[in-house]
């Protein structure tokens, strides 16, 4: 491993690559990186005594640094990707990969690895470098795009419980007329614009459209949401945001719902390993032809993440929501607790596991279900994700998701158990 330690020292000499093209603060912090010793010494032990793998790590690192010195970050990427797969716990490898991704303007993946690098033992100069890159990414791209697509099914929701009849006052009655099962496409498309007002203050304009499209157009639904506000940036990745929202839902019959509201947010890193975020929103909604559903919707969520190491990340959160509707039997309060983690194995496999417990209650019983009383539901979700870093296409890695859901409720039609299996893609790898 002596050769790897020597290679890490050589990396500091190459720390100023591309400095001429960077803003002055980045150039200054790169100078600190060149002038200081690296805290990465000894980190690159991959936990194995296999000399063949040690030789591969040494060779890949030397090749990567050679390309970085020659201002060829694209040529260095395959070698840096391989190093992170072989030794995911080495913060220096992730830092160098993140810097290469920054230079080719792949800020989504660069952010992922810069943040994971902070979970390792970095020198003061390396930490300063990470923070300066994070600030630069906050400022250099005022536009962000959002897109998603999924295949969805639509069926009578009463069928999920397996109940064939509705029991009302001891009388068995057929449920609502069944809806023919249909397979459709769920789409989401949006954009966020962050024009700069002052050095640390940006305006924020966000638009998002989501919808479900079926062969039977009567089932189609669309939702539009717009946000207009301000974002203030600060040290330690701090962001304070707030503004107003407009939204509406539409179907084959025209407008279903419209609303206006306010939102506020806060996020910050405490130390290098722990980050915390808070989101608050209040919306006044009105439903066409169904005034019983009109009223405010209030939500609050706290989320946190802790980096145990560059390869092991824990995350969790608590959320609360309340719908204050005109009709008391539609007034719903919900709360959930979520805890999960992600671990990167040597070799490129990345696995995640998340558990969530939720509770929902209505203020009064539905007049059609008085015999059950006010609804009380408890739900448990367990979700596992699996991917491999080396299996990717144009910066997207496939992710296999498996899940179990169980909901218990005093209203039989709302009690069910589901299994989930899906394949998606991610850029955070």
Protein backbone atom coordinates (compact mmCIF):
# COMPACT_ATOMS: atom_id res chain seq x y z
CA UNK A 1 0.00 0.00 0.00
CA UNK A 2 3.06 2.32 0.16
CA UNK A 3 2.71 2.95 -3.56
CA UNK A 4 -0.90 4.07 -3.06
CA UNK A 5 0.11 6.45 -0.26
CA UNK A 6 2.76 7.93 -2.56
CA UNK A 7 0.16 8.25 -5.32
CA UNK A 8 -2.15 10.10 -2.96
CA UNK A 9 0.62 12.58 -2.26
CA UNK A 10 1.15 13.03 -5.99
CA UNK A 11 -2.58 13.85 -6.26
CA UNK A 12 -2.04 16.96 -4.17
CA UNK A 13 0.42 18.27 -6.72
CA UNK A 14 -2.26 17.79 -9.36
CA UNK A 15 -4.89 19.46 -7.23
CA UNK A 16 -4.82 22.65 -9.27
CA UNK A 17 -6.03 21.10 -12.57
CA UNK A 18 -8.26 23.39 -14.54
CA UNK A 19 -7.69 26.26 -12.10
CA UNK A 20 -7.29 28.78 -14.86
CA UNK A 21 -10.87 28.15 -15.95
CA UNK A 22 -12.30 28.40 -12.42
CA UNK A 23 -13.57 31.36 -10.47
CA UNK A 24 -11.00 33.03 -8.14
CA UNK A 25 -12.35 31.42 -4.92
CA UNK A 26 -11.98 27.96 -6.45
CA UNK A 27 -8.47 28.78 -7.64
CA UNK A 28 -7.51 29.90 -4.13
CA UNK A 29 -8.84 26.81 -2.44
CA UNK A 30 -7.17 24.56 -5.01
CA UNK A 31 -3.93 26.30 -4.01
CA UNK A 32 -4.56 25.29 -0.40
CA UNK A 33 -5.10 21.72 -1.54
CA UNK A 34 -1.73 21.68 -3.34
CA UNK A 35 0.12 23.18 -0.38
CA UNK A 36 -1.21 20.91 2.37
CA UNK A 37 -0.85 17.31 3.37
CA UNK A 38 -3.67 14.90 2.59
CA UNK A 39 -5.75 13.28 5.30
CA UNK A 40 -6.45 10.48 2.82
CA UNK A 41 -3.22 8.66 3.61
CA UNK A 42 -4.02 5.11 4.62
CA UNK A 43 -7.71 5.37 3.69
CA UNK A 44 -7.38 3.40 0.49
CA UNK A 45 -7.01 0.05 2.23
CA UNK A 46 -9.85 -1.83 0.61
CA UNK A 47 -10.16 -4.37 3.39
CA UNK A 48 -8.51 -7.18 1.44
CA UNK A 49 -4.98 -8.57 1.33
CA UNK A 50 -5.39 -9.58 -2.33
CA UNK A 51 -2.22 -8.20 -3.98
CA UNK A 52 -3.86 -8.37 -7.40
CA UNK A 53 -6.58 -5.95 -6.32
CA UNK A 54 -4.02 -3.70 -4.65
CA UNK A 55 -2.08 -3.56 -7.90
CA UNK A 56 -5.28 -2.73 -9.83
CA UNK A 57 -6.12 0.11 -7.42
CA UNK A 58 -2.58 1.47 -7.70
CA UNK A 59 -2.65 1.29 -11.51
CA UNK A 60 -6.10 2.88 -11.85
CA UNK A 61 -5.17 5.71 -9.49
CA UNK A 62 -1.98 6.55 -11.40
CA UNK A 63 -3.86 6.55 -14.72
CA UNK A 64 -6.64 8.73 -13.32
CA UNK A 65 -4.19 11.30 -11.97
CA UNK A 66 -2.30 11.34 -15.25
CA UNK A 67 -5.48 12.22 -17.14
CA UNK A 68 -6.47 14.84 -14.57
CA UNK A 69 -3.05 16.51 -14.84
CA UNK A 70 -3.56 16.64 -18.61
CA UNK A 71 -6.97 18.36 -18.15
CA UNK A 72 -8.77 15.29 -19.52
CA UNK A 73 -11.50 14.59 -16.92
CA UNK A 74 -13.57 12.51 -19.36
CA UNK A 75 -10.63 10.17 -19.93
CA UNK A 76 -10.11 9.94 -16.15
CA UNK A 77 -13.74 9.03 -15.39
CA UNK A 78 -13.60 5.27 -16.15
CA UNK A 79 -10.58 4.88 -13.87
CA UNK A 80 -12.11 6.95 -11.06
CA UNK A 81 -15.42 5.07 -11.35
CA UNK A 82 -13.53 1.80 -11.03
CA UNK A 83 -11.63 3.06 -7.98
CA UNK A 84 -14.86 4.03 -6.20
CA UNK A 85 -16.32 0.61 -6.99
CA UNK A 86 -13.22 -1.21 -5.70
CA UNK A 87 -12.76 0.94 -2.59
CA UNK A 88 -15.99 2.86 -1.80
CA UNK A 89 -14.72 3.84 1.66
CA UNK A 90 -11.81 5.93 0.30
CA UNK A 91 -12.94 9.55 0.51
CA UNK A 92 -10.07 10.78 -1.70
CA UNK A 93 -11.24 8.61 -4.61
CA UNK A 94 -14.77 10.02 -4.33
CA UNK A 95 -13.42 13.58 -4.11
CA UNK A 96 -11.41 13.17 -7.28
CA UNK A 97 -14.38 11.56 -9.08
CA UNK A 98 -16.62 14.42 -8.00
CA UNK A 99 -14.11 16.98 -9.29
CA UNK A 100 -13.96 15.24 -12.67
CA UNK A 101 -17.78 15.21 -12.86
CA UNK A 102 -17.84 18.91 -11.95
CA UNK A 103 -15.46 19.73 -14.81
CA UNK A 104 -17.74 18.02 -17.36
CA UNK A 105 -20.73 19.83 -15.75
CA UNK A 106 -22.45 16.69 -14.46
CA UNK A 107 -23.46 18.48 -11.27
CA UNK A 108 -26.07 15.93 -10.16
CA UNK A 109 -23.53 13.13 -9.80
CA UNK A 110 -20.78 15.51 -8.65
CA UNK A 111 -22.98 16.65 -5.74
CA UNK A 112 -23.64 13.02 -4.77
CA UNK A 113 -19.93 12.18 -4.46
CA UNK A 114 -18.85 15.50 -2.93
CA UNK A 115 -21.35 14.93 -0.12
CA UNK A 116 -20.29 11.31 0.43
CA UNK A 117 -16.62 12.36 0.48
CA UNK A 118 -17.40 14.54 3.51
CA UNK A 119 -18.12 11.32 5.43
CA UNK A 120 -14.43 10.38 5.30
CA UNK A 121 -11.27 11.65 6.93
CA UNK A 122 -10.36 14.66 4.77
CA UNK A 123 -7.76 17.33 5.42
CA UNK A 124 -8.81 20.93 6.09
CA UNK A 125 -7.78 21.87 2.54
CA UNK A 126 -9.82 19.02 1.06
CA UNK A 127 -12.88 19.98 3.10
CA UNK A 128 -12.49 23.60 1.97
CA UNK A 129 -12.25 22.37 -1.62
CA UNK A 130 -15.47 20.37 -1.32
CA UNK A 131 -17.34 23.32 0.21
CA UNK A 132 -16.13 25.70 -2.51
CA UNK A 133 -17.21 23.31 -5.25
CA UNK A 134 -20.64 22.97 -3.61
CA UNK A 135 -20.99 26.77 -3.55
CA UNK A 136 -19.91 27.00 -7.19
CA UNK A 137 -22.54 24.44 -8.22
CA UNK A 138 -25.23 26.40 -6.37
CA UNK A 139 -24.41 29.48 -8.43
CA UNK A 140 -23.41 28.38 -11.91
CA UNK A 141 -26.57 26.62 -13.18
CA UNK A 142 -29.72 28.72 -12.81
CA UNK A 143 -31.86 26.10 -14.60
CA UNK A 144 -32.81 22.65 -13.33
CA UNK A 145 -34.96 20.10 -15.14
CA UNK A 146 -37.19 17.39 -13.68
CA UNK A 147 -38.71 14.42 -15.51
CA UNK A 148 -40.14 11.01 -14.64
CA UNK A 149 -42.24 8.31 -16.28
CA UNK A 150 -43.88 5.12 -15.01
CA UNK A 151 -46.39 2.49 -16.10
CA UNK A 152 -49.40 2.44 -13.75
CA UNK A 153 -52.56 0.36 -13.38
CA UNK A 154 -56.05 1.55 -12.51
CA UNK A 155 -58.73 -0.64 -10.94
CA UNK A 156 -61.59 -0.38 -8.50
CA UNK A 157 -59.92 0.63 -5.19
CA UNK A 158 -62.49 -1.41 -3.26
CA UNK A 159 -61.00 -4.58 -4.71
CA UNK A 160 -57.69 -4.11 -2.92
CA UNK A 161 -59.16 -5.47 0.32
CA UNK A 162 -60.79 -8.52 -1.24
CA UNK A 163 -64.14 -7.51 0.25
CA UNK A 164 -67.07 -8.40 -2.03
CA UNK A 165 -69.73 -6.48 -0.13
CA UNK A 166 -70.08 -3.35 1.99
CA UNK A 167 -71.72 -3.93 5.37
CA UNK A 168 -73.93 -0.97 6.32
CA UNK A 169 -75.95 -1.40 9.48
CA UNK A 170 -75.98 -5.16 9.11
CA UNK A 171 -77.17 -5.01 5.50
CA UNK A 172 -74.85 -6.38 2.82
CA UNK A 173 -74.69 -4.06 -0.18
CA UNK A 174 -72.68 -4.24 -3.37
CA UNK A 175 -69.74 -1.83 -3.52
CA UNK A 176 -69.47 0.97 -6.04
CA UNK A 177 -69.77 -0.10 -9.71
CA UNK A 178 -66.46 -1.72 -10.72
CA UNK A 179 -64.06 0.24 -12.88
CA UNK A 180 -62.55 -1.70 -15.76
CA UNK A 181 -58.89 -2.43 -15.14
CA UNK A 182 -56.64 -0.27 -17.30
CA UNK A 183 -52.92 0.19 -17.84
CA UNK A 184 -51.68 3.69 -18.45
CA UNK A 185 -48.67 5.97 -18.38
CA UNK A 186 -47.77 8.34 -15.55
CA UNK A 187 -45.69 11.34 -16.59
CA UNK A 188 -43.98 14.16 -14.74
CA UNK A 189 -42.21 17.12 -16.30
CA UNK A 190 -40.98 20.30 -14.67
CA UNK A 191 -38.32 22.99 -14.46
CA UNK A 192 -36.83 25.31 -11.84
CA UNK A 193 -35.22 28.67 -12.64
CA UNK A 194 -32.97 30.35 -10.06
CA UNK A 195 -31.94 33.77 -11.42
CA UNK A 196 -29.39 35.57 -9.22
CA UNK A 197 -30.47 38.78 -7.47
CA UNK A 198 -27.40 39.30 -5.27
CA UNK A 199 -24.42 37.08 -4.51
CA UNK A 200 -26.33 34.88 -2.04
CA UNK A 201 -29.94 35.66 -2.96
CA UNK A 202 -31.79 34.05 -5.85
CA UNK A 203 -35.33 34.22 -7.12
CA UNK A 204 -37.00 30.82 -7.57
CA UNK A 205 -39.57 29.93 -10.23
CA UNK A 206 -40.73 26.30 -10.27
CA UNK A 207 -43.32 24.63 -12.49
CA UNK A 208 -44.30 20.95 -12.36
CA UNK A 209 -46.90 19.04 -14.38
CA UNK A 210 -47.84 15.44 -13.57
CA UNK A 211 -50.53 13.26 -15.07
CA UNK A 212 -51.87 9.81 -15.79
CA UNK A 213 -52.94 8.93 -19.33
CA UNK A 214 -55.15 5.89 -20.11
CA UNK A 215 -56.73 4.46 -23.23
CA UNK A 216 -60.06 5.33 -21.61
CA UNK A 217 -59.71 9.12 -21.49
CA UNK A 218 -62.34 9.34 -18.73
CA UNK A 219 -59.65 8.09 -16.33
CA UNK A 220 -57.08 10.73 -17.30
CA UNK A 221 -55.91 13.12 -14.59
CA UNK A 222 -53.52 16.10 -14.68
CA UNK A 223 -52.04 18.19 -11.90
CA UNK A 224 -50.20 21.49 -12.34
CA UNK A 225 -48.23 23.25 -9.62
CA UNK A 226 -46.27 26.48 -9.73
CA UNK A 227 -44.07 28.09 -7.06
CA UNK A 228 -42.63 31.61 -6.95
CA UNK A 229 -40.26 32.64 -4.19
CA UNK A 230 -36.73 33.42 -2.98
CA UNK A 231 -33.72 31.31 -1.95
CA UNK A 232 -30.96 32.63 0.34
CA UNK A 233 -27.64 30.71 0.33
CA UNK A 234 -25.18 30.50 3.20
CA UNK A 235 -22.23 28.57 4.60
CA UNK A 236 -22.45 24.84 5.42
CA UNK A 237 -24.75 24.25 2.46
CA UNK A 238 -27.42 26.41 4.06
CA UNK A 239 -30.52 27.31 2.04
CA UNK A 240 -33.51 29.28 3.30
CA UNK A 241 -36.44 29.47 0.91
CA UNK A 242 -40.03 30.67 0.86
CA UNK A 243 -42.76 31.78 -1.49
CA UNK A 244 -46.28 31.28 -2.83
CA UNK A 245 -47.84 28.36 -4.70
CA UNK A 246 -50.60 27.90 -7.24
CA UNK A 247 -52.01 24.52 -8.24
CA UNK A 248 -54.85 22.86 -10.07
CA UNK A 249 -56.10 19.37 -10.96
CA UNK A 250 -57.94 18.50 -14.17
CA UNK A 251 -59.74 15.54 -15.72
CA UNK A 252 -62.03 14.67 -18.60
CA UNK A 253 -64.81 16.59 -16.85
CA UNK A 254 -62.71 19.75 -16.61
CA UNK A 255 -61.19 21.37 -13.53
CA UNK A 256 -61.39 19.19 -10.43
CA UNK A 257 -59.52 21.33 -7.91
CA UNK A 258 -57.59 24.59 -7.61
CA UNK A 259 -55.67 26.16 -4.76
CA UNK A 260 -53.25 28.80 -3.55
CA UNK A 261 -50.75 28.57 -0.70
CA UNK A 262 -47.44 29.39 0.97
CA UNK A 263 -44.27 27.35 1.49
CA UNK A 264 -41.04 27.69 3.45
CA UNK A 265 -37.90 25.58 3.67
CA UNK A 266 -34.58 25.35 5.49
CA UNK A 267 -31.59 23.03 5.04
CA UNK A 268 -28.06 23.03 6.44
CA UNK A 269 -25.10 20.79 7.21
CA UNK A 270 -24.03 20.55 10.85
CA UNK A 271 -20.42 19.48 10.75
CA UNK A 272 -19.43 17.60 7.62
CA UNK A 273 -21.50 14.45 8.17
CA UNK A 274 -24.94 15.51 9.37
CA UNK A 275 -27.49 17.44 7.32
CA UNK A 276 -30.98 18.56 8.28
CA UNK A 277 -33.91 19.90 6.29
CA UNK A 278 -37.30 21.39 7.23
CA UNK A 279 -40.28 21.95 4.92
CA UNK A 280 -43.56 23.73 5.75
CA UNK A 281 -46.54 24.38 3.47
CA UNK A 282 -50.12 25.62 3.74
CA UNK A 283 -52.57 25.41 0.83
CA UNK A 284 -56.19 26.55 0.53
CA UNK A 285 -57.94 24.09 -1.82
CA UNK A 286 -61.34 24.22 -3.47
CA UNK A 287 -63.01 21.33 -5.31
CA UNK A 288 -65.46 21.83 -8.17
CA UNK A 289 -68.87 20.49 -7.23
CA UNK A 290 -67.65 18.95 -3.95
CA UNK A 291 -67.59 21.79 -1.38
CA UNK A 292 -67.33 19.23 1.44
CA UNK A 293 -63.64 18.82 0.50
CA UNK A 294 -62.84 22.56 0.51
CA UNK A 295 -60.41 23.86 3.13
CA UNK A 296 -56.75 24.27 4.08
CA UNK A 297 -54.08 21.57 3.87
CA UNK A 298 -51.14 21.91 6.28
CA UNK A 299 -47.92 19.88 6.06
CA UNK A 300 -44.63 19.83 7.96
CA UNK A 301 -41.64 17.57 7.40
CA UNK A 302 -38.20 17.21 8.98
CA UNK A 303 -35.55 15.12 7.23
CA UNK A 304 -31.99 14.31 8.24
CA UNK A 305 -29.04 12.32 6.92
CA UNK A 306 -25.84 11.15 8.61
CA UNK A 307 -22.71 9.91 6.82
CA UNK A 308 -21.19 7.13 8.91
CA UNK A 309 -18.51 6.81 6.23
CA UNK A 310 -18.22 7.48 2.48
CA UNK A 311 -19.81 4.06 1.89
CA UNK A 312 -22.54 4.09 4.57
CA UNK A 313 -25.31 6.69 4.77
CA UNK A 314 -28.25 6.80 7.19
CA UNK A 315 -31.34 8.91 6.61
CA UNK A 316 -34.72 9.43 8.21
CA UNK A 317 -37.56 11.83 8.70
CA UNK A 318 -40.83 12.73 10.35
CA UNK A 319 -43.81 14.25 8.54
CA UNK A 320 -47.22 15.53 9.66
CA UNK A 321 -50.20 16.59 7.57
CA UNK A 322 -53.73 17.79 8.27
CA UNK A 323 -56.67 18.38 5.92
CA UNK A 324 -59.22 20.78 7.47
CA UNK A 325 -62.23 20.23 5.21
CA UNK A 326 -65.73 21.70 5.33
CA UNK A 327 -67.22 18.28 6.13
CA UNK A 328 -65.88 16.95 9.43
CA UNK A 329 -65.94 13.34 8.22
CA UNK A 330 -63.34 14.26 5.57
CA UNK A 331 -60.96 15.95 8.02
CA UNK A 332 -57.84 13.78 8.03
CA UNK A 333 -54.63 13.89 10.09
CA UNK A 334 -51.61 11.79 9.16
CA UNK A 335 -48.14 11.27 10.53
CA UNK A 336 -45.21 9.12 9.46
CA UNK A 337 -41.77 8.08 10.67
CA UNK A 338 -39.13 6.94 8.18
CA UNK A 339 -35.66 5.42 8.71
CA UNK A 340 -33.30 3.92 6.14
CA UNK A 341 -29.74 3.45 5.04
CA UNK A 342 -27.56 2.81 2.01
CA UNK A 343 -24.34 0.79 1.94
CA UNK A 344 -21.79 0.50 -0.87
CA UNK A 345 -20.00 -2.87 -1.02
CA UNK A 346 -16.53 -3.30 -2.46
CA UNK A 347 -16.93 -4.33 -6.07
CA UNK A 348 -19.69 -1.86 -7.01
CA UNK A 349 -22.88 -3.23 -5.44
CA UNK A 350 -24.98 -0.62 -3.61
CA UNK A 351 -27.89 -1.74 -1.39
CA UNK A 352 -30.49 0.27 0.51
CA UNK A 353 -33.20 -0.56 3.01
CA UNK A 354 -35.94 1.74 4.30
CA UNK A 355 -38.80 1.28 6.77
CA UNK A 356 -41.72 3.65 7.27
CA UNK A 357 -44.55 3.65 9.81
CA UNK A 358 -47.62 5.82 9.20
CA UNK A 359 -50.83 6.57 11.08
CA UNK A 360 -53.96 8.25 9.69
CA UNK A 361 -57.23 9.20 11.35
CA UNK A 362 -60.46 10.93 10.38
CA UNK A 363 -62.18 13.28 12.79
CA UNK A 364 -65.63 11.71 12.39
CA UNK A 365 -67.11 8.57 10.90
CA UNK A 366 -68.27 8.51 7.31
CA UNK A 367 -72.12 8.62 7.32
CA UNK A 368 -72.11 5.53 5.09
CA UNK A 369 -69.88 3.62 7.52
CA UNK A 370 -71.16 4.70 10.91
CA UNK A 371 -70.92 1.15 12.27
CA UNK A 372 -67.10 1.33 12.09
CA UNK A 373 -66.70 4.72 13.75
CA UNK A 374 -64.04 7.28 12.70
CA UNK A 375 -61.42 5.62 10.53
CA UNK A 376 -58.07 4.73 12.14
CA UNK A 377 -55.38 3.25 9.92
CA UNK A 378 -51.83 2.09 10.61
CA UNK A 379 -49.48 1.36 7.74
CA UNK A 380 -46.02 -0.23 7.54
CA UNK A 381 -43.79 -0.07 4.45
CA UNK A 382 -40.50 -1.92 3.96
CA UNK A 383 -38.54 -1.15 0.80
CA UNK A 384 -35.24 -2.60 -0.46
CA UNK A 385 -33.18 -1.20 -3.35
CA UNK A 386 -30.30 -2.84 -5.19
CA UNK A 387 -28.00 -1.58 -7.95
CA UNK A 388 -24.47 -2.02 -9.31
CA UNK A 389 -22.31 1.01 -10.14
CA UNK A 390 -20.65 -0.65 -13.15
CA UNK A 391 -23.96 -1.34 -14.92
CA UNK A 392 -24.95 2.05 -16.31
CA UNK A 393 -25.92 3.64 -19.59
CA UNK A 394 -25.06 7.27 -20.30
CA UNK A 395 -24.90 8.19 -16.64
CA UNK A 396 -28.01 6.27 -15.53
CA UNK A 397 -27.79 3.10 -13.42
CA UNK A 398 -30.76 0.67 -13.19
CA UNK A 399 -32.21 0.15 -9.72
CA UNK A 400 -34.30 -2.84 -8.63
CA UNK A 401 -36.90 -1.96 -5.97
CA UNK A 402 -38.77 -4.54 -3.86
CA UNK A 403 -41.29 -3.65 -1.19
CA UNK A 404 -43.93 -4.86 1.23
CA UNK A 405 -46.89 -2.80 2.45
CA UNK A 406 -49.37 -3.72 5.14
CA UNK A 407 -52.22 -1.49 6.26
CA UNK A 408 -54.51 -2.27 9.18
CA UNK A 409 -57.76 -0.31 9.53
CA UNK A 410 -60.97 -0.45 11.52
CA UNK A 411 -62.74 0.00 8.15
CA UNK A 412 -62.33 -3.38 6.39
CA UNK A 413 -62.37 -1.90 2.88
CA UNK A 414 -59.24 0.13 3.77
CA UNK A 415 -57.19 -2.81 5.11
CA UNK A 416 -54.82 -4.46 2.64
CA UNK A 417 -51.40 -6.00 2.03
CA UNK A 418 -49.37 -5.35 -1.12
CA UNK A 419 -46.09 -6.46 -2.66
CA UNK A 420 -44.03 -4.24 -4.98
CA UNK A 421 -41.42 -4.97 -7.61
CA UNK A 422 -40.13 -2.35 -10.02
CA UNK A 423 -37.10 -1.37 -12.05
CA UNK A 424 -36.04 2.26 -12.27
CA UNK A 425 -32.92 4.33 -12.87
CA UNK A 426 -30.80 6.73 -10.84
CA UNK A 427 -27.97 9.20 -11.38
CA UNK A 428 -26.87 9.10 -7.73
CA UNK A 429 -24.23 6.38 -7.95
